[in-house]
Protein backbone atom coordinates (compact mmCIF):
# COMPACT_ATOMS: atom_id res chain seq x y z
CA UNK A 1 0.00 0.00 0.00
CA UNK A 2 1.22 3.48 -0.79
CA UNK A 3 0.12 6.78 0.75
CA UNK A 4 0.46 10.35 -0.36
CA UNK A 5 0.66 12.55 2.73
CA UNK A 6 0.06 16.28 2.42
CA UNK A 7 1.03 18.62 5.26
CA UNK A 8 0.05 22.28 5.16
CA UNK A 9 2.01 24.67 7.36
CA UNK A 10 2.12 28.42 7.69
CA UNK A 11 5.70 29.59 8.05
CA UNK A 12 6.53 33.00 9.50
CA UNK A 13 9.99 34.31 8.67
CA UNK A 14 11.69 37.28 10.26
CA UNK A 15 14.57 39.48 9.12
CA UNK A 16 16.26 42.31 10.99
CA UNK A 17 17.28 44.94 8.45
CA UNK A 18 18.53 48.50 8.54
CA UNK A 19 16.69 51.14 6.51
CA UNK A 20 17.58 54.76 5.83
CA UNK A 21 16.33 57.33 8.35
CA UNK A 22 13.62 59.80 7.41
CA UNK A 23 11.46 57.58 5.19
CA UNK A 24 7.69 57.91 5.42
CA UNK A 25 5.45 54.81 5.71
CA UNK A 26 4.95 54.49 1.95
CA UNK A 27 8.69 54.76 1.27
CA UNK A 28 9.45 52.15 3.96
CA UNK A 29 7.00 49.71 2.35
CA UNK A 30 8.55 50.35 -1.06
CA UNK A 31 12.10 49.96 0.31
CA UNK A 32 11.25 46.58 1.88
CA UNK A 33 9.35 45.40 -1.22
CA UNK A 34 12.25 46.36 -3.49
CA UNK A 35 14.75 44.50 -1.29
CA UNK A 36 12.52 41.42 -1.20
CA UNK A 37 11.92 41.43 -4.98
CA UNK A 38 15.64 41.68 -5.75
CA UNK A 39 16.40 38.82 -3.35
CA UNK A 40 18.55 40.97 -1.06
CA UNK A 41 16.38 40.30 1.99
CA UNK A 42 16.04 36.54 1.42
CA UNK A 43 19.45 35.73 2.88
CA UNK A 44 18.45 37.53 6.11
CA UNK A 45 15.10 35.76 6.57
CA UNK A 46 15.08 33.19 9.35
CA UNK A 47 12.16 30.93 10.20
CA UNK A 48 10.57 32.48 13.25
CA UNK A 49 7.50 30.28 13.70
CA UNK A 50 5.77 27.35 11.99
CA UNK A 51 2.06 26.82 12.52
CA UNK A 52 0.54 23.48 11.63
CA UNK A 53 -2.57 23.94 9.49
CA UNK A 54 -3.60 20.45 8.37
CA UNK A 55 -2.51 16.98 7.40
CA UNK A 56 -4.20 14.56 5.04
CA UNK A 57 -3.42 11.19 3.53
CA UNK A 58 -4.61 9.57 0.34
CA UNK A 59 -4.28 5.82 -0.15
CA UNK A 60 -2.93 4.71 -3.51
CA UNK A 61 -3.82 1.11 -4.26
CA UNK A 62 -1.27 -0.83 -6.27
CA UNK A 63 -2.73 -2.20 -9.47
CA UNK A 64 -1.77 -5.80 -10.11
CA UNK A 65 -0.70 -6.54 -13.64
CA UNK A 66 -2.35 -9.56 -15.26
CA UNK A 67 0.00 -12.26 -16.46
């Protein structure tokens, strides 16, 4: 018997970054988005928390070949 198990988790990552002083809220959001989109922030992201959402299993029956 074979099973396919699917686990759904919500992963929260956290990065501590330095941003330029004097930016307004919109500019801060843009600064962070730009860093994320270019991949610069990805190396700083660490898994902070993992929340279990669900688990399911599906049974795959082996088909016997006729001889």
